[in-house]
All heavy atoms as atom14 arrays in JSON, in Angstrom:
{
  "sequence": "VHDQPGVTRDRTYQDGFWGDRTFKVVDTGGLVFDDDSEFLPEIRE",
  "atom14_mask": [
    [1, 1, 1, 1, 1, 1, 1, 0, 0, 0, 0, 0, 0, 0],
    [1, 1, 1, 1, 1, 1, 1, 1, 1, 1, 0, 0, 0, 0],
    [1, 1, 1, 1, 1, 1, 1, 1, 0, 0, 0, 0, 0, 0],
    [1, 1, 1, 1, 1, 1, 1, 1, 1, 0, 0, 0, 0, 0],
    [1, 1, 1, 1, 1, 1, 1, 0, 0, 0, 0, 0, 0, 0],
    [1, 1, 1, 1, 0, 0, 0, 0, 0, 0, 0, 0, 0, 0],
    [1, 1, 1, 1, 1, 1, 1, 0, 0, 0, 0, 0, 0, 0],
    [1, 1, 1, 1, 1, 1, 1, 0, 0, 0, 0, 0, 0, 0],
    [1, 1, 1, 1, 1, 1, 1, 1, 1, 1, 1, 0, 0, 0],
    [1, 1, 1, 1, 1, 1, 1, 1, 0, 0, 0, 0, 0, 0],
    [1, 1, 1, 1, 1, 1, 1, 1, 1, 1, 1, 0, 0, 0],
    [1, 1, 1, 1, 1, 1, 1, 0, 0, 0, 0, 0, 0, 0],
    [1, 1, 1, 1, 1, 1, 1, 1, 1, 1, 1, 1, 0, 0],
    [1, 1, 1, 1, 1, 1, 1, 1, 1, 0, 0, 0, 0, 0],
    [1, 1, 1, 1, 1, 1, 1, 1, 0, 0, 0, 0, 0, 0],
    [1, 1, 1, 1, 0, 0, 0, 0, 0, 0, 0, 0, 0, 0],
    [1, 1, 1, 1, 1, 1, 1, 1, 1, 1, 1, 0, 0, 0],
    [1, 1, 1, 1, 1, 1, 1, 1, 1, 1, 1, 1, 1, 1],
    [1, 1, 1, 1, 0, 0, 0, 0, 0, 0, 0, 0, 0, 0],
    [1, 1, 1, 1, 1, 1, 1, 1, 0, 0, 0, 0, 0, 0],
    [1, 1, 1, 1, 1, 1, 1, 1, 1, 1, 1, 0, 0, 0],
    [1, 1, 1, 1, 1, 1, 1, 0, 0, 0, 0, 0, 0, 0],
    [1, 1, 1, 1, 1, 1, 1, 1, 1, 1, 1, 0, 0, 0],
    [1, 1, 1, 1, 1, 1, 1, 1, 1, 0, 0, 0, 0, 0],
    [1, 1, 1, 1, 1, 1, 1, 0, 0, 0, 0, 0, 0, 0],
    [1, 1, 1, 1, 1, 1, 1, 0, 0, 0, 0, 0, 0, 0],
    [1, 1, 1, 1, 1, 1, 1, 1, 0, 0, 0, 0, 0, 0],
    [1, 1, 1, 1, 1, 1, 1, 0, 0, 0, 0, 0, 0, 0],
    [1, 1, 1, 1, 0, 0, 0, 0, 0, 0, 0, 0, 0, 0],
    [1, 1, 1, 1, 0, 0, 0, 0, 0, 0, 0, 0, 0, 0],
    [1, 1, 1, 1, 1, 1, 1, 1, 0, 0, 0, 0, 0, 0],
    [1, 1, 1, 1, 1, 1, 1, 0, 0, 0, 0, 0, 0, 0],
    [1, 1, 1, 1, 1, 1, 1, 1, 1, 1, 1, 0, 0, 0],
    [1, 1, 1, 1, 1, 1, 1, 1, 0, 0, 0, 0, 0, 0],
    [1, 1, 1, 1, 1, 1, 1, 1, 0, 0, 0, 0, 0, 0],
    [1, 1, 1, 1, 1, 1, 1, 1, 0, 0, 0, 0, 0, 0],
    [1, 1, 1, 1, 1, 1, 0, 0, 0, 0, 0, 0, 0, 0],
    [1, 1, 1, 1, 1, 1, 1, 1, 1, 0, 0, 0, 0, 0],
    [1, 1, 1, 1, 1, 1, 1, 1, 1, 1, 1, 0, 0, 0],
    [1, 1, 1, 1, 1, 1, 1, 1, 0, 0, 0, 0, 0, 0],
    [1, 1, 1, 1, 1, 1, 1, 0, 0, 0, 0, 0, 0, 0],
    [1, 1, 1, 1, 1, 1, 1, 1, 1, 0, 0, 0, 0, 0],
    [1, 1, 1, 1, 1, 1, 1, 1, 0, 0, 0, 0, 0, 0],
    [1, 1, 1, 1, 1, 1, 1, 1, 1, 1, 1, 0, 0, 0],
    [1, 1, 1, 1, 1, 1, 1, 1, 1, 0, 0, 0, 0, 0]
  ],
  "atom14_positions": [
    [[44.1, 139.3, 82.28], [43.91, 138.45, 81.1], [44.6, 139.11, 79.93], [44.36, 140.28, 79.61], [42.41, 138.27, 80.79], [42.22, 137.44, 79.54], [41.7, 137.62, 81.97], [0.0, 0.0, 0.0], [0.0, 0.0, 0.0], [0.0, 0.0, 0.0], [0.0, 0.0, 0.0], [0.0, 0.0, 0.0], [0.0, 0.0, 0.0], [0.0, 0.0, 0.0]],
    [[45.5, 138.38, 79.26], [46.25, 138.94, 78.14], [46.68, 137.79, 77.24], [46.87, 136.65, 77.7], [47.47, 139.7, 78.66], [48.06, 140.66, 77.64], [49.05, 140.28, 76.78], [47.78, 141.96, 77.38], [49.38, 141.32, 76.01], [48.62, 142.35, 76.35], [0.0, 0.0, 0.0], [0.0, 0.0, 0.0], [0.0, 0.0, 0.0], [0.0, 0.0, 0.0]],
    [[46.86, 138.06, 75.95], [47.24, 137.02, 75.0], [48.65, 136.49, 75.25], [48.98, 135.39, 74.85], [47.16, 137.55, 73.56], [45.73, 137.81, 73.14], [44.83, 137.21, 73.76], [45.51, 138.6, 72.21], [0.0, 0.0, 0.0], [0.0, 0.0, 0.0], [0.0, 0.0, 0.0], [0.0, 0.0, 0.0], [0.0, 0.0, 0.0], [0.0, 0.0, 0.0]],
    [[49.51, 137.3, 75.87], [50.89, 136.89, 76.11], [50.96, 135.75, 77.11], [50.38, 135.84, 78.19], [51.67, 138.09, 76.63], [53.12, 137.78, 77.01], [53.79, 139.0, 77.6], [53.5, 140.12, 77.22], [54.7, 138.77, 78.53], [0.0, 0.0, 0.0], [0.0, 0.0, 0.0], [0.0, 0.0, 0.0], [0.0, 0.0, 0.0], [0.0, 0.0, 0.0]],
    [[51.67, 134.64, 76.8], [51.8, 133.55, 77.78], [52.58, 134.02, 79.0], [53.43, 134.9, 78.92], [52.56, 132.46, 77.01], [52.43, 132.83, 75.56], [52.32, 134.31, 75.52], [0.0, 0.0, 0.0], [0.0, 0.0, 0.0], [0.0, 0.0, 0.0], [0.0, 0.0, 0.0], [0.0, 0.0, 0.0], [0.0, 0.0, 0.0], [0.0, 0.0, 0.0]],
    [[52.3, 133.38, 80.16], [53.09, 133.64, 81.36], [52.74, 134.92, 82.08], [53.54, 135.43, 82.85], [0.0, 0.0, 0.0], [0.0, 0.0, 0.0], [0.0, 0.0, 0.0], [0.0, 0.0, 0.0], [0.0, 0.0, 0.0], [0.0, 0.0, 0.0], [0.0, 0.0, 0.0], [0.0, 0.0, 0.0], [0.0, 0.0, 0.0], [0.0, 0.0, 0.0]],
    [[51.54, 135.47, 81.84], [51.15, 136.7, 82.52], [51.01, 136.46, 84.02], [51.52, 137.22, 84.84], [49.84, 137.25, 81.93], [49.31, 138.39, 82.79], [50.07, 137.74, 80.5], [0.0, 0.0, 0.0], [0.0, 0.0, 0.0], [0.0, 0.0, 0.0], [0.0, 0.0, 0.0], [0.0, 0.0, 0.0], [0.0, 0.0, 0.0], [0.0, 0.0, 0.0]],
    [[50.32, 135.38, 84.42], [50.18, 135.04, 85.84], [51.41, 134.24, 86.27], [51.78, 133.27, 85.63], [48.91, 134.22, 86.07], [47.78, 134.94, 85.61], [48.73, 133.92, 87.55], [0.0, 0.0, 0.0], [0.0, 0.0, 0.0], [0.0, 0.0, 0.0], [0.0, 0.0, 0.0], [0.0, 0.0, 0.0], [0.0, 0.0, 0.0], [0.0, 0.0, 0.0]],
    [[52.04, 134.69, 87.38], [53.23, 133.99, 87.87], [53.03, 133.5, 89.3], [53.23, 132.33, 89.58], [54.44, 134.93, 87.8], [54.86, 135.2, 86.35], [55.92, 136.28, 86.27], [56.37, 136.46, 84.91], [57.17, 137.45, 84.51], [57.58, 138.35, 85.39], [57.55, 137.55, 83.26], [0.0, 0.0, 0.0], [0.0, 0.0, 0.0], [0.0, 0.0, 0.0]],
    [[52.66, 134.38, 90.2], [52.38, 133.98, 91.58], [50.99, 133.37, 91.65], [50.24, 133.38, 90.68], [52.45, 135.2, 92.49], [53.79, 135.9, 92.42], [54.75, 135.38, 93.01], [53.87, 136.96, 91.75], [0.0, 0.0, 0.0], [0.0, 0.0, 0.0], [0.0, 0.0, 0.0], [0.0, 0.0, 0.0], [0.0, 0.0, 0.0], [0.0, 0.0, 0.0]],
    [[50.64, 132.85, 92.82], [49.26, 132.4, 93.0], [48.46, 133.56, 93.59], [48.89, 134.22, 94.53], [49.2, 131.14, 93.86], [49.7, 131.26, 95.28], [49.83, 129.85, 95.89], [49.89, 129.86, 97.33], [50.99, 130.02, 98.04], [52.14, 130.23, 97.41], [50.96, 130.0, 99.37], [0.0, 0.0, 0.0], [0.0, 0.0, 0.0], [0.0, 0.0, 0.0]],
    [[47.3, 133.81, 93.02], [46.47, 134.94, 93.43], [45.09, 134.44, 93.85], [44.58, 133.48, 93.28], [46.32, 135.97, 92.29], [45.65, 135.35, 91.19], [47.67, 136.46, 91.81], [0.0, 0.0, 0.0], [0.0, 0.0, 0.0], [0.0, 0.0, 0.0], [0.0, 0.0, 0.0], [0.0, 0.0, 0.0], [0.0, 0.0, 0.0], [0.0, 0.0, 0.0]],
    [[44.51, 135.09, 94.84], [43.27, 134.62, 95.46], [42.13, 135.62, 95.24], [42.34, 136.83, 95.31], [43.46, 134.42, 96.96], [44.41, 133.32, 97.34], [45.78, 133.5, 97.23], [43.94, 132.1, 97.8], [46.66, 132.49, 97.58], [44.81, 131.08, 98.16], [46.17, 131.28, 98.04], [47.05, 130.28, 98.39], [0.0, 0.0, 0.0], [0.0, 0.0, 0.0]],
    [[40.94, 135.08, 95.0], [39.72, 135.87, 94.96], [38.59, 135.04, 95.6], [38.7, 133.81, 95.7], [39.32, 136.22, 93.53], [40.25, 137.17, 92.81], [39.65, 137.59, 91.49], [38.57, 138.17, 91.44], [40.34, 137.29, 90.4], [0.0, 0.0, 0.0], [0.0, 0.0, 0.0], [0.0, 0.0, 0.0], [0.0, 0.0, 0.0], [0.0, 0.0, 0.0]],
    [[37.53, 135.73, 96.01], [36.37, 135.04, 96.56], [35.45, 134.59, 95.43], [35.11, 135.37, 94.54], [35.59, 135.96, 97.5], [36.32, 136.2, 98.81], [37.23, 135.4, 99.11], [36.0, 137.17, 99.5], [0.0, 0.0, 0.0], [0.0, 0.0, 0.0], [0.0, 0.0, 0.0], [0.0, 0.0, 0.0], [0.0, 0.0, 0.0], [0.0, 0.0, 0.0]],
    [[35.07, 133.31, 95.47], [34.1, 132.78, 94.52], [32.77, 132.48, 95.22], [32.73, 132.27, 96.44], [0.0, 0.0, 0.0], [0.0, 0.0, 0.0], [0.0, 0.0, 0.0], [0.0, 0.0, 0.0], [0.0, 0.0, 0.0], [0.0, 0.0, 0.0], [0.0, 0.0, 0.0], [0.0, 0.0, 0.0], [0.0, 0.0, 0.0], [0.0, 0.0, 0.0]],
    [[31.69, 132.48, 94.46], [30.35, 132.27, 95.02], [29.58, 131.33, 94.1], [29.62, 131.47, 92.89], [29.57, 133.59, 95.13], [30.36, 134.73, 95.72], [31.11, 135.57, 94.92], [30.36, 134.94, 97.09], [31.84, 136.61, 95.45], [31.09, 135.97, 97.63], [31.82, 136.81, 96.83], [0.0, 0.0, 0.0], [0.0, 0.0, 0.0], [0.0, 0.0, 0.0]],
    [[28.86, 130.38, 94.7], [27.95, 129.56, 93.92], [26.92, 128.96, 94.86], [27.28, 128.37, 95.89], [28.68, 128.45, 93.16], [27.75, 127.7, 92.23], [27.34, 126.4, 92.34], [27.11, 128.21, 91.05], [26.49, 126.05, 91.31], [26.33, 127.15, 90.5], [27.12, 129.44, 90.41], [25.58, 127.31, 89.35], [26.37, 129.59, 89.25], [25.61, 128.54, 88.73]],
    [[25.64, 129.12, 94.52], [24.59, 128.64, 95.4], [24.7, 129.33, 96.75], [24.74, 130.55, 96.84], [0.0, 0.0, 0.0], [0.0, 0.0, 0.0], [0.0, 0.0, 0.0], [0.0, 0.0, 0.0], [0.0, 0.0, 0.0], [0.0, 0.0, 0.0], [0.0, 0.0, 0.0], [0.0, 0.0, 0.0], [0.0, 0.0, 0.0], [0.0, 0.0, 0.0]],
    [[24.76, 128.53, 97.8], [24.89, 129.1, 99.15], [26.32, 128.97, 99.67], [26.57, 129.1, 100.86], [23.93, 128.41, 100.12], [24.2, 126.91, 100.22], [25.0, 126.39, 99.41], [23.61, 126.26, 101.1], [0.0, 0.0, 0.0], [0.0, 0.0, 0.0], [0.0, 0.0, 0.0], [0.0, 0.0, 0.0], [0.0, 0.0, 0.0], [0.0, 0.0, 0.0]],
    [[27.29, 128.73, 98.77], [28.67, 128.52, 99.2], [29.57, 129.66, 98.76], [29.45, 130.21, 97.65], [29.23, 127.2, 98.62], [28.52, 125.95, 99.08], [28.48, 125.8, 100.6], [29.79, 125.89, 101.22], [30.57, 124.84, 101.47], [30.15, 123.62, 101.15], [31.74, 124.98, 102.06], [0.0, 0.0, 0.0], [0.0, 0.0, 0.0], [0.0, 0.0, 0.0]],
    [[30.5, 129.99, 99.65], [31.57, 130.95, 99.35], [32.89, 130.2, 99.5], [33.07, 129.41, 100.42], [31.54, 132.14, 100.33], [30.26, 132.77, 100.26], [32.6, 133.16, 99.97], [0.0, 0.0, 0.0], [0.0, 0.0, 0.0], [0.0, 0.0, 0.0], [0.0, 0.0, 0.0], [0.0, 0.0, 0.0], [0.0, 0.0, 0.0], [0.0, 0.0, 0.0]],
    [[33.82, 130.47, 98.6], [35.1, 129.77, 98.63], [36.17, 130.67, 98.02], [35.87, 131.71, 97.4], [35.02, 128.45, 97.85], [34.35, 128.56, 96.5], [35.08, 128.87, 95.36], [32.98, 128.37, 96.37], [34.46, 128.99, 94.13], [32.34, 128.49, 95.15], [33.09, 128.8, 94.02], [0.0, 0.0, 0.0], [0.0, 0.0, 0.0], [0.0, 0.0, 0.0]],
    [[37.43, 130.29, 98.21], [38.55, 131.0, 97.61], [38.95, 130.31, 96.31], [39.08, 129.09, 96.26], [39.75, 131.01, 98.56], [39.61, 131.91, 99.78], [39.73, 133.37, 99.4], [39.66, 134.26, 100.63], [39.69, 135.68, 100.26], [0.0, 0.0, 0.0], [0.0, 0.0, 0.0], [0.0, 0.0, 0.0], [0.0, 0.0, 0.0], [0.0, 0.0, 0.0]],
    [[39.11, 131.11, 95.26], [39.63, 130.59, 94.0], [41.06, 131.08, 93.85], [41.33, 132.28, 93.93], [38.79, 131.08, 92.8], [39.37, 130.54, 91.49], [37.34, 130.64, 92.95], [0.0, 0.0, 0.0], [0.0, 0.0, 0.0], [0.0, 0.0, 0.0], [0.0, 0.0, 0.0], [0.0, 0.0, 0.0], [0.0, 0.0, 0.0], [0.0, 0.0, 0.0]],
    [[42.01, 130.16, 93.7], [43.41, 130.53, 93.56], [43.86, 130.27, 92.12], [43.76, 129.16, 91.6], [44.31, 129.79, 94.59], [44.1, 128.29, 94.55], [45.77, 130.12, 94.35], [0.0, 0.0, 0.0], [0.0, 0.0, 0.0], [0.0, 0.0, 0.0], [0.0, 0.0, 0.0], [0.0, 0.0, 0.0], [0.0, 0.0, 0.0], [0.0, 0.0, 0.0]],
    [[44.3, 131.34, 91.48], [44.8, 131.28, 90.1], [46.31, 131.04, 90.15], [47.01, 131.63, 90.98], [44.48, 132.61, 89.41], [44.76, 132.58, 87.91], [44.94, 131.47, 87.36], [44.81, 133.66, 87.29], [0.0, 0.0, 0.0], [0.0, 0.0, 0.0], [0.0, 0.0, 0.0], [0.0, 0.0, 0.0], [0.0, 0.0, 0.0], [0.0, 0.0, 0.0]],
    [[46.8, 130.19, 89.28], [48.24, 129.88, 89.26], [48.81, 130.15, 87.88], [48.08, 130.27, 86.9], [48.5, 128.41, 89.65], [47.88, 127.56, 88.67], [47.92, 128.09, 91.01], [0.0, 0.0, 0.0], [0.0, 0.0, 0.0], [0.0, 0.0, 0.0], [0.0, 0.0, 0.0], [0.0, 0.0, 0.0], [0.0, 0.0, 0.0], [0.0, 0.0, 0.0]],
    [[50.12, 130.23, 87.81], [50.79, 130.46, 86.53], [50.73, 129.24, 85.64], [50.48, 128.12, 86.09], [0.0, 0.0, 0.0], [0.0, 0.0, 0.0], [0.0, 0.0, 0.0], [0.0, 0.0, 0.0], [0.0, 0.0, 0.0], [0.0, 0.0, 0.0], [0.0, 0.0, 0.0], [0.0, 0.0, 0.0], [0.0, 0.0, 0.0], [0.0, 0.0, 0.0]],
    [[50.95, 129.47, 84.34], [50.93, 128.38, 83.39], [52.06, 127.38, 83.64], [53.23, 127.76, 83.76], [0.0, 0.0, 0.0], [0.0, 0.0, 0.0], [0.0, 0.0, 0.0], [0.0, 0.0, 0.0], [0.0, 0.0, 0.0], [0.0, 0.0, 0.0], [0.0, 0.0, 0.0], [0.0, 0.0, 0.0], [0.0, 0.0, 0.0], [0.0, 0.0, 0.0]],
    [[51.7, 126.09, 83.74], [52.67, 125.04, 84.07], [53.38, 124.53, 82.83], [52.74, 124.19, 81.83], [51.97, 123.88, 84.78], [51.46, 124.16, 86.2], [50.56, 123.04, 86.67], [52.63, 124.36, 87.15], [0.0, 0.0, 0.0], [0.0, 0.0, 0.0], [0.0, 0.0, 0.0], [0.0, 0.0, 0.0], [0.0, 0.0, 0.0], [0.0, 0.0, 0.0]],
    [[54.7, 124.48, 82.89], [55.53, 123.92, 81.82], [56.56, 123.03, 82.49], [57.31, 123.48, 83.36], [56.23, 125.02, 81.0], [57.12, 124.4, 79.93], [55.2, 125.95, 80.38], [0.0, 0.0, 0.0], [0.0, 0.0, 0.0], [0.0, 0.0, 0.0], [0.0, 0.0, 0.0], [0.0, 0.0, 0.0], [0.0, 0.0, 0.0], [0.0, 0.0, 0.0]],
    [[56.63, 121.76, 82.09], [57.53, 120.8, 82.76], [58.77, 120.46, 81.95], [59.68, 119.83, 82.48], [56.77, 119.52, 83.09], [55.82, 119.66, 84.25], [54.49, 119.98, 84.05], [56.27, 119.51, 85.55], [53.62, 120.13, 85.11], [55.41, 119.66, 86.62], [54.08, 119.97, 86.41], [0.0, 0.0, 0.0], [0.0, 0.0, 0.0], [0.0, 0.0, 0.0]],
    [[58.84, 120.85, 80.68], [60.01, 120.5, 79.87], [60.93, 121.69, 79.66], [61.73, 121.72, 78.73], [59.56, 119.94, 78.51], [58.72, 120.92, 77.72], [58.41, 122.0, 78.27], [58.38, 120.62, 76.56], [0.0, 0.0, 0.0], [0.0, 0.0, 0.0], [0.0, 0.0, 0.0], [0.0, 0.0, 0.0], [0.0, 0.0, 0.0], [0.0, 0.0, 0.0]],
    [[60.84, 122.67, 80.54], [61.64, 123.89, 80.37], [61.88, 124.48, 81.76], [60.94, 124.64, 82.55], [60.88, 124.89, 79.49], [61.72, 126.12, 79.15], [62.81, 126.27, 79.73], [61.27, 126.92, 78.31], [0.0, 0.0, 0.0], [0.0, 0.0, 0.0], [0.0, 0.0, 0.0], [0.0, 0.0, 0.0], [0.0, 0.0, 0.0], [0.0, 0.0, 0.0]],
    [[63.12, 124.8, 82.09], [63.45, 125.41, 83.38], [63.96, 126.83, 83.21], [64.74, 127.32, 84.04], [64.51, 124.57, 84.11], [63.92, 123.3, 84.7], [62.7, 123.28, 84.95], [64.68, 122.34, 84.91], [0.0, 0.0, 0.0], [0.0, 0.0, 0.0], [0.0, 0.0, 0.0], [0.0, 0.0, 0.0], [0.0, 0.0, 0.0], [0.0, 0.0, 0.0]],
    [[63.52, 127.5, 82.16], [63.96, 128.87, 81.94], [63.25, 129.81, 82.93], [62.55, 129.37, 83.84], [63.69, 129.3, 80.5], [62.32, 129.17, 80.18], [0.0, 0.0, 0.0], [0.0, 0.0, 0.0], [0.0, 0.0, 0.0], [0.0, 0.0, 0.0], [0.0, 0.0, 0.0], [0.0, 0.0, 0.0], [0.0, 0.0, 0.0], [0.0, 0.0, 0.0]],
    [[63.4, 131.09, 82.72], [63.02, 132.14, 83.66], [61.63, 131.95, 84.26], [60.65, 131.85, 83.56], [63.1, 133.48, 82.92], [62.79, 134.69, 83.75], [62.96, 135.94, 82.9], [64.12, 136.31, 82.68], [61.94, 136.5, 82.46], [0.0, 0.0, 0.0], [0.0, 0.0, 0.0], [0.0, 0.0, 0.0], [0.0, 0.0, 0.0], [0.0, 0.0, 0.0]],
    [[61.58, 131.86, 85.6], [60.37, 131.82, 86.42], [59.62, 130.49, 86.39], [58.76, 130.26, 87.24], [59.38, 132.94, 86.06], [59.92, 134.32, 86.27], [59.98, 135.21, 85.22], [60.36, 134.71, 87.52], [60.48, 136.48, 85.42], [60.86, 135.98, 87.74], [60.92, 136.88, 86.68], [0.0, 0.0, 0.0], [0.0, 0.0, 0.0], [0.0, 0.0, 0.0]],
    [[59.88, 129.62, 85.42], [59.06, 128.41, 85.29], [59.18, 127.47, 86.5], [58.16, 126.94, 86.96], [59.39, 127.68, 83.99], [58.98, 128.45, 82.72], [59.42, 127.69, 81.48], [57.48, 128.7, 82.7], [0.0, 0.0, 0.0], [0.0, 0.0, 0.0], [0.0, 0.0, 0.0], [0.0, 0.0, 0.0], [0.0, 0.0, 0.0], [0.0, 0.0, 0.0]],
    [[60.38, 127.25, 87.06], [60.43, 126.43, 88.28], [59.67, 127.06, 89.45], [59.0, 126.36, 90.22], [61.94, 126.34, 88.58], [62.6, 126.57, 87.26], [61.73, 127.58, 86.57], [0.0, 0.0, 0.0], [0.0, 0.0, 0.0], [0.0, 0.0, 0.0], [0.0, 0.0, 0.0], [0.0, 0.0, 0.0], [0.0, 0.0, 0.0], [0.0, 0.0, 0.0]],
    [[59.77, 128.39, 89.59], [59.06, 129.08, 90.67], [57.55, 128.99, 90.47], [56.79, 128.85, 91.45], [59.49, 130.54, 90.73], [60.91, 130.78, 91.21], [61.93, 130.68, 90.08], [61.55, 130.33, 88.94], [63.11, 130.94, 90.33], [0.0, 0.0, 0.0], [0.0, 0.0, 0.0], [0.0, 0.0, 0.0], [0.0, 0.0, 0.0], [0.0, 0.0, 0.0]],
    [[57.09, 129.07, 89.21], [55.65, 128.94, 88.93], [55.15, 127.55, 89.32], [54.07, 127.4, 89.91], [55.37, 129.24, 87.45], [55.54, 130.74, 87.17], [53.96, 128.79, 87.05], [55.48, 131.11, 85.7], [0.0, 0.0, 0.0], [0.0, 0.0, 0.0], [0.0, 0.0, 0.0], [0.0, 0.0, 0.0], [0.0, 0.0, 0.0], [0.0, 0.0, 0.0]],
    [[55.95, 126.52, 89.04], [55.57, 125.16, 89.43], [55.49, 125.06, 90.96], [54.6, 124.39, 91.5], [56.56, 124.15, 88.86], [56.51, 124.02, 87.34], [57.19, 122.75, 86.86], [58.62, 122.78, 87.08], [59.52, 123.21, 86.18], [59.12, 123.68, 85.01], [60.81, 123.17, 86.45], [0.0, 0.0, 0.0], [0.0, 0.0, 0.0], [0.0, 0.0, 0.0]],
    [[56.44, 125.69, 91.66], [56.43, 125.66, 93.12], [55.16, 126.33, 93.67], [54.53, 125.83, 94.59], [57.67, 126.35, 93.67], [57.72, 126.39, 95.2], [58.88, 127.21, 95.73], [59.64, 127.76, 94.92], [59.0, 127.31, 96.96], [0.0, 0.0, 0.0], [0.0, 0.0, 0.0], [0.0, 0.0, 0.0], [0.0, 0.0, 0.0], [0.0, 0.0, 0.0]]
  ]
}
């Protein structure tokens, strides 16, 4: 977690828990659709 935009780029996985359920939470990079500069197309993919 950081104030700088674009810190998360790849998708990253952690285990989440709620009630009696366990699941995977996948974090993704910030989506931008009006710009194809560095890493943004890969982040969308």
